[in-house]
PDB file of N, CA and C in Angstrom:
ATOM      1  N   MET A   1      16.558  -4.861 -14.944  1.00  0.00           N
ATOM      2  CA  MET A   1      17.132  -3.638 -15.468  1.00  0.00           C
ATOM      3  C   MET A   1      16.193  -2.464 -15.176  1.00  0.00           C
ATOM      4  N   THR A   2      16.754  -1.404 -14.718  1.00  0.00           N
ATOM      5  CA  THR A   2      15.961  -0.221 -14.400  1.00  0.00           C
ATOM      6  C   THR A   2      15.808   0.641 -15.651  1.00  0.00           C
ATOM      7  N   THR A   3      14.580   1.003 -15.954  1.00  0.00           N
ATOM      8  CA  THR A   3      14.292   1.883 -17.078  1.00  0.00           C
ATOM      9  C   THR A   3      13.396   2.989 -16.577  1.00  0.00           C
ATOM     10  N   PRO A   4      13.206   4.054 -17.365  1.00  0.00           N
ATOM     11  CA  PRO A   4      12.307   5.127 -16.907  1.00  0.00           C
ATOM     12  C   PRO A   4      10.896   4.625 -16.609  1.00  0.00           C
ATOM     13  N   SER A   5      10.456   3.561 -17.291  1.00  0.00           N
ATOM     14  CA  SER A   5       9.105   3.057 -17.060  1.00  0.00           C
ATOM     15  C   SER A   5       9.066   1.960 -16.001  1.00  0.00           C
ATOM     16  N   HIS A   6      10.238   1.485 -15.557  1.00  0.00           N
ATOM     17  CA  HIS A   6      10.271   0.452 -14.527  1.00  0.00           C
ATOM     18  C   HIS A   6      11.390   0.742 -13.541  1.00  0.00           C
ATOM     19  N   PRO A   7      11.059   1.330 -12.384  1.00  0.00           N
ATOM     20  CA  PRO A   7      12.068   1.692 -11.387  1.00  0.00           C
ATOM     21  C   PRO A   7      12.766   0.466 -10.793  1.00  0.00           C
ATOM     22  N   ALA A   8      13.798   0.699 -10.025  1.00  0.00           N
ATOM     23  CA  ALA A   8      14.540  -0.357  -9.349  1.00  0.00           C
ATOM     24  C   ALA A   8      13.632  -1.123  -8.392  1.00  0.00           C
ATOM     25  N   ALA A   9      13.920  -2.412  -8.219  1.00  0.00           N
ATOM     26  CA  ALA A   9      13.116  -3.270  -7.347  1.00  0.00           C
ATOM     27  C   ALA A   9      13.068  -2.724  -5.919  1.00  0.00           C
ATOM     28  N   ALA A  10      14.162  -2.150  -5.441  1.00  0.00           N
ATOM     29  CA  ALA A  10      14.189  -1.609  -4.073  1.00  0.00           C
ATOM     30  C   ALA A  10      13.178  -0.477  -3.911  1.00  0.00           C
ATOM     31  N   GLU A  11      13.028   0.332  -4.940  1.00  0.00           N
ATOM     32  CA  GLU A  11      12.048   1.431  -4.887  1.00  0.00           C
ATOM     33  C   GLU A  11      10.626   0.865  -4.830  1.00  0.00           C
ATOM     34  N   CYS A  12      10.383  -0.190  -5.600  1.00  0.00           N
ATOM     35  CA  CYS A  12       9.064  -0.828  -5.581  1.00  0.00           C
ATOM     36  C   CYS A  12       8.795  -1.460  -4.216  1.00  0.00           C
ATOM     37  N   GLN A  13       9.799  -2.113  -3.648  1.00  0.00           N
ATOM     38  CA  GLN A  13       9.641  -2.736  -2.333  1.00  0.00           C
ATOM     39  C   GLN A  13       9.286  -1.703  -1.278  1.00  0.00           C
ATOM     40  N   GLU A  14       9.948  -0.560  -1.320  1.00  0.00           N
ATOM     41  CA  GLU A  14       9.661   0.506  -0.359  1.00  0.00           C
ATOM     42  C   GLU A  14       8.249   1.033  -0.538  1.00  0.00           C
ATOM     43  N   ALA A  15       7.827   1.222  -1.768  1.00  0.00           N
ATOM     44  CA  ALA A  15       6.465   1.710  -2.026  1.00  0.00           C
ATOM     45  C   ALA A  15       5.439   0.724  -1.498  1.00  0.00           C
ATOM     46  N   VAL A  16       5.633  -0.553  -1.793  1.00  0.00           N
ATOM     47  CA  VAL A  16       4.678  -1.577  -1.342  1.00  0.00           C
ATOM     48  C   VAL A  16       4.696  -1.699   0.173  1.00  0.00           C
ATOM     49  N   ARG A  17       5.868  -1.566   0.779  1.00  0.00           N
ATOM     50  CA  ARG A  17       5.971  -1.631   2.245  1.00  0.00           C
ATOM     51  C   ARG A  17       5.137  -0.519   2.901  1.00  0.00           C
ATOM     52  N   ARG A  18       5.052   0.621   2.250  1.00  0.00           N
ATOM     53  CA  ARG A  18       4.320   1.763   2.793  1.00  0.00           C
ATOM     54  C   ARG A  18       2.880   1.838   2.285  1.00  0.00           C
ATOM     55  N   LEU A  19       2.434   0.857   1.506  1.00  0.00           N
ATOM     56  CA  LEU A  19       1.124   0.878   0.850  1.00  0.00           C
ATOM     57  C   LEU A  19      -0.014   1.265   1.796  1.00  0.00           C
ATOM     58  N   TRP A  20      -0.191   0.530   2.873  1.00  0.00           N
ATOM     59  CA  TRP A  20      -1.342   0.775   3.755  1.00  0.00           C
ATOM     60  C   TRP A  20      -1.220   2.107   4.473  1.00  0.00           C
ATOM     61  N   ASP A  21      -0.011   2.456   4.905  1.00  0.00           N
ATOM     62  CA  ASP A  21       0.175   3.765   5.537  1.00  0.00           C
ATOM     63  C   ASP A  21      -0.159   4.875   4.551  1.00  0.00           C
ATOM     64  N   TYR A  22       0.258   4.716   3.299  1.00  0.00           N
ATOM     65  CA  TYR A  22      -0.022   5.700   2.257  1.00  0.00           C
ATOM     66  C   TYR A  22      -1.527   5.813   2.028  1.00  0.00           C
ATOM     67  N   LEU A  23      -2.201   4.696   1.868  1.00  0.00           N
ATOM     68  CA  LEU A  23      -3.641   4.722   1.604  1.00  0.00           C
ATOM     69  C   LEU A  23      -4.436   5.233   2.802  1.00  0.00           C
ATOM     70  N   ASP A  24      -3.899   5.044   4.000  1.00  0.00           N
ATOM     71  CA  ASP A  24      -4.559   5.542   5.207  1.00  0.00           C
ATOM     72  C   ASP A  24      -4.107   6.949   5.572  1.00  0.00           C
ATOM     73  N   ALA A  25      -3.324   7.593   4.705  1.00  0.00           N
ATOM     74  CA  ALA A  25      -2.794   8.945   4.925  1.00  0.00           C
ATOM     75  C   ALA A  25      -2.002   9.025   6.226  1.00  0.00           C
ATOM     76  N   GLU A  26      -1.167   7.995   6.473  1.00  0.00           N
ATOM     77  CA  GLU A  26      -0.361   7.940   7.688  1.00  0.00           C
ATOM     78  C   GLU A  26       1.137   8.045   7.385  1.00  0.00           C
ATOM     79  N   VAL A  27       1.464   8.687   6.269  1.00  0.00           N
ATOM     80  CA  VAL A  27       2.871   8.955   5.945  1.00  0.00           C
ATOM     81  C   VAL A  27       3.075  10.462   5.961  1.00  0.00           C
ATOM     82  N   ASP A  28       4.322  10.861   6.193  1.00  0.00           N
ATOM     83  CA  ASP A  28       4.572  12.303   6.215  1.00  0.00           C
ATOM     84  C   ASP A  28       4.523  12.848   4.783  1.00  0.00           C
ATOM     85  N   PRO A  29       4.420  14.161   4.628  1.00  0.00           N
ATOM     86  CA  PRO A  29       4.274  14.748   3.293  1.00  0.00           C
ATOM     87  C   PRO A  29       5.389  14.367   2.311  1.00  0.00           C
ATOM     88  N   ALA A  30       6.623  14.265   2.789  1.00  0.00           N
ATOM     89  CA  ALA A  30       7.728  13.896   1.899  1.00  0.00           C
ATOM     90  C   ALA A  30       7.582  12.454   1.408  1.00  0.00           C
ATOM     91  N   GLN A  31       7.208  11.552   2.320  1.00  0.00           N
ATOM     92  CA  GLN A  31       6.987  10.158   1.915  1.00  0.00           C
ATOM     93  C   GLN A  31       5.816  10.067   0.944  1.00  0.00           C
ATOM     94  N   HIS A  32       4.759  10.802   1.230  1.00  0.00           N
ATOM     95  CA  HIS A  32       3.587  10.788   0.354  1.00  0.00           C
ATOM     96  C   HIS A  32       3.969  11.240  -1.054  1.00  0.00           C
ATOM     97  N   ALA A  33       4.727  12.317  -1.140  1.00  0.00           N
ATOM     98  CA  ALA A  33       5.161  12.829  -2.443  1.00  0.00           C
ATOM     99  C   ALA A  33       6.043  11.813  -3.164  1.00  0.00           C
ATOM    100  N   GLY A  34       6.934  11.163  -2.435  1.00  0.00           N
ATOM    101  CA  GLY A  34       7.813  10.164  -3.036  1.00  0.00           C
ATOM    102  C   GLY A  34       7.049   8.961  -3.567  1.00  0.00           C
ATOM    103  N   ILE A  35       6.094   8.473  -2.796  1.00  0.00           N
ATOM    104  CA  ILE A  35       5.297   7.326  -3.231  1.00  0.00           C
ATOM    105  C   ILE A  35       4.424   7.725  -4.415  1.00  0.00           C
ATOM    106  N   THR A  36       3.829   8.895  -4.351  1.00  0.00           N
ATOM    107  CA  THR A  36       3.002   9.374  -5.469  1.00  0.00           C
ATOM    108  C   THR A  36       3.831   9.452  -6.747  1.00  0.00           C
ATOM    109  N   ALA A  37       5.032   9.980  -6.650  1.00  0.00           N
ATOM    110  CA  ALA A  37       5.919  10.074  -7.819  1.00  0.00           C
ATOM    111  C   ALA A  37       6.258   8.679  -8.337  1.00  0.00           C
ATOM    112  N   HIS A  38       6.519   7.762  -7.432  1.00  0.00           N
ATOM    113  CA  HIS A  38       6.827   6.391  -7.845  1.00  0.00           C
ATOM    114  C   HIS A  38       5.642   5.780  -8.597  1.00  0.00           C
ATOM    115  N   LEU A  39       4.447   5.971  -8.069  1.00  0.00           N
ATOM    116  CA  LEU A  39       3.255   5.397  -8.705  1.00  0.00           C
ATOM    117  C   LEU A  39       3.010   5.989 -10.088  1.00  0.00           C
ATOM    118  N   GLN A  40       3.448   7.206 -10.311  1.00  0.00           N
ATOM    119  CA  GLN A  40       3.273   7.844 -11.614  1.00  0.00           C
ATOM    120  C   GLN A  40       4.202   7.250 -12.673  1.00  0.00           C
ATOM    121  N   ARG A  41       5.303   6.630 -12.235  1.00  0.00           N
ATOM    122  CA  ARG A  41       6.225   6.071 -13.228  1.00  0.00           C
ATOM    123  C   ARG A  41       6.333   4.550 -13.179  1.00  0.00           C
ATOM    124  N   CYS A  42       5.599   3.896 -12.280  1.00  0.00           N
ATOM    125  CA  CYS A  42       5.667   2.436 -12.177  1.00  0.00           C
ATOM    126  C   CYS A  42       4.265   1.848 -12.321  1.00  0.00           C
ATOM    127  N   ALA A  43       3.981   1.325 -13.488  1.00  0.00           N
ATOM    128  CA  ALA A  43       2.643   0.773 -13.762  1.00  0.00           C
ATOM    129  C   ALA A  43       2.324  -0.423 -12.873  1.00  0.00           C
ATOM    130  N   ASP A  44       3.330  -1.245 -12.569  1.00  0.00           N
ATOM    131  CA  ASP A  44       3.090  -2.417 -11.718  1.00  0.00           C
ATOM    132  C   ASP A  44       2.624  -2.002 -10.327  1.00  0.00           C
ATOM    133  N   CYS A  45       3.338  -1.071  -9.716  1.00  0.00           N
ATOM    134  CA  CYS A  45       2.953  -0.608  -8.376  1.00  0.00           C
ATOM    135  C   CYS A  45       1.641   0.165  -8.419  1.00  0.00           C
ATOM    136  N   ALA A  46       1.447   0.953  -9.457  1.00  0.00           N
ATOM    137  CA  ALA A  46       0.193   1.708  -9.581  1.00  0.00           C
ATOM    138  C   ALA A  46      -0.995   0.759  -9.630  1.00  0.00           C
ATOM    139  N   ALA A  47      -0.867  -0.350 -10.341  1.00  0.00           N
ATOM    140  CA  ALA A  47      -1.952  -1.339 -10.410  1.00  0.00           C
ATOM    141  C   ALA A  47      -2.166  -1.986  -9.049  1.00  0.00           C
ATOM    142  N   HIS A  48      -1.073  -2.282  -8.350  1.00  0.00           N
ATOM    143  CA  HIS A  48      -1.161  -2.876  -7.010  1.00  0.00           C
ATOM    144  C   HIS A  48      -1.886  -1.929  -6.048  1.00  0.00           C
ATOM    145  N   PHE A  49      -1.507  -0.651  -6.081  1.00  0.00           N
ATOM    146  CA  PHE A  49      -2.125   0.341  -5.220  1.00  0.00           C
ATOM    147  C   PHE A  49      -3.595   0.557  -5.597  1.00  0.00           C
ATOM    148  N   ALA A  50      -3.903   0.549  -6.889  1.00  0.00           N
ATOM    149  CA  ALA A  50      -5.291   0.736  -7.334  1.00  0.00           C
ATOM    150  C   ALA A  50      -6.164  -0.398  -6.824  1.00  0.00           C
ATOM    151  N   PHE A  51      -5.646  -1.624  -6.878  1.00  0.00           N
ATOM    152  CA  PHE A  51      -6.398  -2.763  -6.361  1.00  0.00           C
ATOM    153  C   PHE A  51      -6.636  -2.606  -4.861  1.00  0.00           C
ATOM    154  N   ALA A  52      -5.595  -2.253  -4.117  1.00  0.00           N
ATOM    155  CA  ALA A  52      -5.719  -2.075  -2.668  1.00  0.00           C
ATOM    156  C   ALA A  52      -6.704  -0.954  -2.339  1.00  0.00           C
ATOM    157  N   ARG A  53      -6.639   0.149  -3.086  1.00  0.00           N
ATOM    158  CA  ARG A  53      -7.545   1.276  -2.868  1.00  0.00           C
ATOM    159  C   ARG A  53      -8.999   0.840  -3.105  1.00  0.00           C
ATOM    160  N   GLN A  54      -9.218   0.067  -4.164  1.00  0.00           N
ATOM    161  CA  GLN A  54     -10.567  -0.418  -4.476  1.00  0.00           C
ATOM    162  C   GLN A  54     -11.054  -1.385  -3.395  1.00  0.00           C
ATOM    163  N   MET A  55     -10.168  -2.253  -2.915  1.00  0.00           N
ATOM    164  CA  MET A  55     -10.530  -3.181  -1.855  1.00  0.00           C
ATOM    165  C   MET A  55     -10.923  -2.412  -0.591  1.00  0.00           C
ATOM    166  N   LEU A  56     -10.158  -1.381  -0.256  1.00  0.00           N
ATOM    167  CA  LEU A  56     -10.500  -0.566   0.914  1.00  0.00           C
ATOM    168  C   LEU A  56     -11.863   0.103   0.751  1.00  0.00           C
ATOM    169  N   ALA A  57     -12.154   0.568  -0.438  1.00  0.00           N
ATOM    170  CA  ALA A  57     -13.453   1.210  -0.682  1.00  0.00           C
ATOM    171  C   ALA A  57     -14.590   0.224  -0.453  1.00  0.00           C
ATOM    172  N   VAL A  58     -14.420  -1.002  -0.901  1.00  0.00           N
ATOM    173  CA  VAL A  58     -15.448  -2.029  -0.700  1.00  0.00           C
ATOM    174  C   VAL A  58     -15.592  -2.344   0.783  1.00  0.00           C
ATOM    175  N   VAL A  59     -14.468  -2.502   1.471  1.00  0.00           N
ATOM    176  CA  VAL A  59     -14.510  -2.798   2.906  1.00  0.00           C
ATOM    177  C   VAL A  59     -15.181  -1.663   3.661  1.00  0.00           C
ATOM    178  N   ARG A  60     -14.814  -0.436   3.338  1.00  0.00           N
ATOM    179  CA  ARG A  60     -15.417   0.709   4.032  1.00  0.00           C
ATOM    180  C   ARG A  60     -16.914   0.804   3.764  1.00  0.00           C
ATOM    181  N   HIS A  61     -17.321   0.470   2.554  1.00  0.00           N
ATOM    182  CA  HIS A  61     -18.742   0.485   2.209  1.00  0.00           C
ATOM    183  C   HIS A  61     -19.508  -0.584   2.996  1.00  0.00           C
ATOM    184  N   ARG A  62     -18.895  -1.744   3.158  1.00  0.00           N
ATOM    185  CA  ARG A  62     -19.553  -2.860   3.837  1.00  0.00           C
ATOM    186  C   ARG A  62     -19.352  -2.842   5.351  1.00  0.00           C
ATOM    187  N   TRP A  63     -18.439  -2.010   5.834  1.00  0.00           N
ATOM    188  CA  TRP A  63     -18.052  -2.012   7.249  1.00  0.00           C
ATOM    189  C   TRP A  63     -19.226  -2.012   8.223  1.00  0.00           C
ATOM    190  N   PRO A  64     -20.251  -1.169   8.055  1.00  0.00           N
ATOM    191  CA  PRO A  64     -21.337  -1.147   9.041  1.00  0.00           C
ATOM    192  C   PRO A  64     -22.069  -2.489   9.157  1.00  0.00           C
ATOM    193  N   GLN A  65     -21.938  -3.332   8.158  1.00  0.00           N
ATOM    194  CA  GLN A  65     -22.654  -4.602   8.149  1.00  0.00           C
ATOM    195  C   GLN A  65     -21.818  -5.752   8.705  1.00  0.00           C
ATOM    196  N   VAL A  66     -20.580  -5.497   9.079  1.00  0.00           N
ATOM    197  CA  VAL A  66     -19.678  -6.548   9.519  1.00  0.00           C
ATOM    198  C   VAL A  66     -19.262  -6.302  10.968  1.00  0.00           C
ATOM    199  N   ALA A  67     -19.373  -7.340  11.799  1.00  0.00           N
ATOM    200  CA  ALA A  67     -18.903  -7.254  13.176  1.00  0.00           C
ATOM    201  C   ALA A  67     -17.436  -7.686  13.194  1.00  0.00           C
ATOM    202  N   VAL A  68     -16.542  -6.774  13.584  1.00  0.00           N
ATOM    203  CA  VAL A  68     -15.105  -7.028  13.567  1.00  0.00           C
ATOM    204  C   VAL A  68     -14.538  -6.735  14.950  1.00  0.00           C
ATOM    205  N   PRO A  69     -13.672  -7.629  15.462  1.00  0.00           N
ATOM    206  CA  PRO A  69     -13.033  -7.347  16.755  1.00  0.00           C
ATOM    207  C   PRO A  69     -12.272  -6.023  16.699  1.00  0.00           C
ATOM    208  N   GLN A  70     -12.276  -5.290  17.791  1.00  0.00           N
ATOM    209  CA  GLN A  70     -11.649  -3.972  17.826  1.00  0.00           C
ATOM    210  C   GLN A  70     -10.156  -4.006  17.547  1.00  0.00           C
ATOM    211  N   ASP A  71      -9.484  -5.093  17.894  1.00  0.00           N
ATOM    212  CA  ASP A  71      -8.033  -5.150  17.700  1.00  0.00           C
ATOM    213  C   ASP A  71      -7.625  -5.761  16.358  1.00  0.00           C
ATOM    214  N   LEU A  72      -8.573  -5.984  15.467  1.00  0.00           N
ATOM    215  CA  LEU A  72      -8.270  -6.632  14.197  1.00  0.00           C
ATOM    216  C   LEU A  72      -7.247  -5.854  13.376  1.00  0.00           C
ATOM    217  N   THR A  73      -7.408  -4.560  13.254  1.00  0.00           N
ATOM    218  CA  THR A  73      -6.477  -3.754  12.461  1.00  0.00           C
ATOM    219  C   THR A  73      -5.059  -3.883  13.006  1.00  0.00           C
ATOM    220  N   ALA A  74      -4.906  -3.798  14.308  1.00  0.00           N
ATOM    221  CA  ALA A  74      -3.576  -3.905  14.913  1.00  0.00           C
ATOM    222  C   ALA A  74      -2.978  -5.286  14.662  1.00  0.00           C
ATOM    223  N   ARG A  75      -3.782  -6.327  14.751  1.00  0.00           N
ATOM    224  CA  ARG A  75      -3.282  -7.681  14.508  1.00  0.00           C
ATOM    225  C   ARG A  75      -2.870  -7.860  13.050  1.00  0.00           C
ATOM    226  N   ILE A  76      -3.654  -7.324  12.126  1.00  0.00           N
ATOM    227  CA  ILE A  76      -3.324  -7.439  10.701  1.00  0.00           C
ATOM    228  C   ILE A  76      -2.026  -6.698  10.398  1.00  0.00           C
ATOM    229  N   ARG A  77      -1.904  -5.477  10.916  1.00  0.00           N
ATOM    230  CA  ARG A  77      -0.673  -4.707  10.664  1.00  0.00           C
ATOM    231  C   ARG A  77       0.540  -5.402  11.261  1.00  0.00           C
ATOM    232  N   ALA A  78       0.397  -5.975  12.443  1.00  0.00           N
ATOM    233  CA  ALA A  78       1.519  -6.685  13.061  1.00  0.00           C
ATOM    234  C   ALA A  78       1.921  -7.889  12.222  1.00  0.00           C
ATOM    235  N   ARG A  79       0.941  -8.609  11.729  1.00  0.00           N
ATOM    236  CA  ARG A  79       1.238  -9.785  10.892  1.00  0.00           C
ATOM    237  C   ARG A  79       1.911  -9.380   9.585  1.00  0.00           C
ATOM    238  N   LEU A  80       1.417  -8.320   8.957  1.00  0.00           N
ATOM    239  CA  LEU A  80       2.025  -7.828   7.718  1.00  0.00           C
ATOM    240  C   LEU A  80       3.460  -7.370   7.958  1.00  0.00           C
ATOM    241  N   ALA A  81       3.697  -6.729   9.101  1.00  0.00           N
ATOM    242  CA  ALA A  81       5.041  -6.269   9.423  1.00  0.00           C
ATOM    243  C   ALA A  81       5.985  -7.458   9.630  1.00  0.00           C
ATOM    244  N   GLU A  82       5.482  -8.539  10.216  1.00  0.00           N
ATOM    245  CA  GLU A  82       6.285  -9.750  10.413  1.00  0.00           C
ATOM    246  C   GLU A  82       6.683 -10.362   9.067  1.00  0.00           C
ATOM    247  N   GLU A  83       5.762 -10.385   8.134  1.00  0.00           N
ATOM    248  CA  GLU A  83       6.013 -11.019   6.847  1.00  0.00           C
ATOM    249  C   GLU A  83       6.879 -10.166   5.933  1.00  0.00           C
ATOM    250  N   GLY A  84       6.796  -8.851   6.061  1.00  0.00           N
ATOM    251  CA  GLY A  84       7.563  -7.966   5.200  1.00  0.00           C
ATOM    252  C   GLY A  84       6.960  -7.864   3.821  1.00  0.00           C
ATOM    253  N   PRO A  85       7.544  -6.996   2.988  1.00  0.00           N
ATOM    254  CA  PRO A  85       6.994  -6.775   1.650  1.00  0.00           C
ATOM    255  C   PRO A  85       7.219  -7.969   0.732  1.00  0.00           C
ATOM    256  N   ARG A  86       6.293  -8.162  -0.165  1.00  0.00           N
ATOM    257  CA  ARG A  86       6.412  -9.212  -1.189  1.00  0.00           C
ATOM    258  C   ARG A  86       6.261  -8.563  -2.545  1.00  0.00           C
ATOM    259  N   VAL A  87       7.370  -8.359  -3.185  1.00  0.00           N
ATOM    260  CA  VAL A  87       7.361  -7.734  -4.515  1.00  0.00           C
ATOM    261  C   VAL A  87       7.955  -8.728  -5.485  1.00  0.00           C
ATOM    262  N   ALA A  88       7.259  -8.932  -6.586  1.00  0.00           N
ATOM    263  CA  ALA A  88       7.759  -9.881  -7.596  1.00  0.00           C
ATOM    264  C   ALA A  88       8.882  -9.281  -8.391  1.00  0.00           C
TER     265      ALA A  88
END
């Protein structure tokens, strides 16, 4: 059931599908505004995004100490795109 504090599952799926693009600032301004608005009213997605944001901060902090193949990001994004969003 959709309530003001819990948006429709389709809205959550779309937000999660755009998670990495949003965190990497690779969405257009309208998409960014829409996802930001969604996160303000959906505690579940906000927690998911907060965890991802924190994980990225740790990875970025440790990045100089880790040897990573140059195509790793592209391979990860391709794999995530194959699997699609997973929203409970």
